[in-house]
Amino acid sequence: MDDESWSITLSTAIGGILGWLSAKMKVIELCEITDDYWGTTTTYDQCRDESWDWNAEANLMAFTDLVYPSRILTGLVFGLLFGVIYVKYKRVQSGDASEEE
């Protein structure tokens, strides 16, 4: 693989990983419910088995299906876009250097 293909592949992979981390954090955020009762704040995780909700696994699957595909695809697209712009920038830089000689 040449340097340009390697740069685009690497930036796309990094974008996908960042999208996955973003999705994971969003699912954790959606699973938490804060209950304010007479000045006492309690946080429940509705996606765990020991939660008060009987459908903990269904909640987790619903949030995962809602969040993961869009966040991961967005990360991949931004990574690909960054890689293409970076390769274009490097080509312009090398083109300017060859014109000066």
Protein backbone atom coordinates (compact mmCIF):
# COMPACT_ATOMS: atom_id res chain seq x y z
CA MET A 1 0.00 0.00 0.00
CA ASP A 2 1.39 3.42 -0.88
CA ASP A 3 1.60 6.33 1.56
CA GLU A 4 -1.57 8.01 0.35
CA SER A 5 -3.71 4.89 0.69
CA TRP A 6 -2.18 4.23 4.09
CA SER A 7 -3.02 7.76 5.28
CA ILE A 8 -6.63 7.51 4.12
CA THR A 9 -7.08 4.04 5.64
CA LEU A 10 -5.52 5.05 8.95
CA SER A 11 -7.56 8.24 9.29
CA THR A 12 -10.76 6.34 8.44
CA ALA A 13 -9.97 3.70 11.07
CA ILE A 14 -9.24 6.34 13.70
CA GLY A 15 -12.52 8.08 12.83
CA GLY A 16 -14.39 4.79 13.23
CA ILE A 17 -12.80 4.16 16.63
CA LEU A 18 -13.66 7.68 17.78
CA GLY A 19 -17.23 7.18 16.54
CA TRP A 20 -17.48 3.91 18.47
CA LEU A 21 -16.21 5.59 21.67
CA SER A 22 -18.69 8.42 21.18
CA ALA A 23 -21.52 5.91 20.72
CA LYS A 24 -20.50 3.99 23.82
CA MET A 25 -20.50 7.15 25.94
CA LYS A 26 -23.90 8.21 24.55
CA VAL A 27 -25.45 4.81 25.39
CA ILE A 28 -24.10 5.07 28.94
CA GLU A 29 -25.61 8.55 29.18
CA LEU A 30 -29.00 7.38 27.89
CA CYS A 31 -29.08 4.44 30.31
CA GLU A 32 -28.77 6.64 33.39
CA ILE A 33 -31.92 8.06 34.94
CA THR A 34 -31.72 10.62 37.72
CA ASP A 35 -34.50 10.58 40.29
CA ASP A 36 -34.99 13.72 42.36
CA TYR A 37 -37.10 12.87 45.39
CA TRP A 38 -37.43 15.40 48.18
CA GLY A 39 -33.96 16.83 47.69
CA THR A 40 -32.27 13.44 47.43
CA THR A 41 -30.80 12.67 44.03
CA THR A 42 -30.47 9.02 43.05
CA THR A 43 -29.09 7.77 39.74
CA TYR A 44 -30.35 4.49 38.29
CA ASP A 45 -28.86 2.54 35.40
CA GLN A 46 -31.82 1.17 33.47
CA CYS A 47 -29.60 -1.04 31.27
CA ARG A 48 -28.24 -3.31 34.01
CA ASP A 49 -29.78 -6.52 35.26
CA GLU A 50 -30.07 -5.31 38.84
CA SER A 51 -32.03 -2.21 37.84
CA TRP A 52 -35.62 -1.54 38.88
CA ASP A 53 -36.79 -2.08 35.31
CA TRP A 54 -37.55 -5.64 34.23
CA ASN A 55 -36.50 -4.98 30.64
CA ALA A 56 -32.87 -4.02 31.21
CA GLU A 57 -31.55 -6.03 28.27
CA ALA A 58 -34.26 -4.68 25.97
CA ASN A 59 -33.43 -1.12 27.03
CA LEU A 60 -29.74 -1.67 26.31
CA MET A 61 -30.47 -3.17 22.90
CA ALA A 62 -32.84 -0.33 21.99
CA PHE A 63 -30.32 2.35 22.94
CA THR A 64 -27.54 0.49 21.14
CA ASP A 65 -29.61 0.14 17.97
CA LEU A 66 -30.53 3.81 18.15
CA VAL A 67 -27.05 5.25 18.70
CA TYR A 68 -24.29 2.97 17.40
CA PRO A 69 -24.86 2.90 13.61
CA SER A 70 -25.13 6.66 13.16
CA ARG A 71 -22.22 7.53 15.45
CA ILE A 72 -19.84 4.95 13.97
CA LEU A 73 -20.74 5.88 10.38
CA THR A 74 -20.29 9.55 11.18
CA GLY A 75 -16.84 8.83 12.61
CA LEU A 76 -15.90 6.82 9.53
CA VAL A 77 -17.08 9.57 7.17
CA PHE A 78 -15.22 12.30 9.05
CA GLY A 79 -12.09 10.14 9.16
CA LEU A 80 -12.32 9.50 5.42
CA LEU A 81 -12.89 13.20 4.74
CA PHE A 82 -9.88 14.15 6.87
CA GLY A 83 -7.72 11.55 5.10
CA VAL A 84 -8.70 12.79 1.64
CA ILE A 85 -8.07 16.42 2.60
CA TYR A 86 -4.71 15.48 4.12
CA VAL A 87 -3.63 13.60 0.98
CA LYS A 88 -4.75 16.51 -1.21
CA TYR A 89 -2.77 18.92 0.99
CA LYS A 90 0.34 16.73 0.74
CA ARG A 91 -0.03 16.54 -3.06
CA VAL A 92 -0.30 20.32 -3.31
CA GLN A 93 2.75 20.73 -1.07
CA SER A 94 4.83 18.31 -3.14
CA GLY A 95 3.59 19.99 -6.34
CA ASP A 96 4.72 23.39 -5.06
CA ALA A 97 8.13 21.97 -4.13
CA SER A 98 8.63 20.44 -7.60
CA GLU A 99 7.67 23.72 -9.31
CA GLU A 100 10.33 25.63 -7.36
CA GLU A 101 13.13 23.37 -8.62
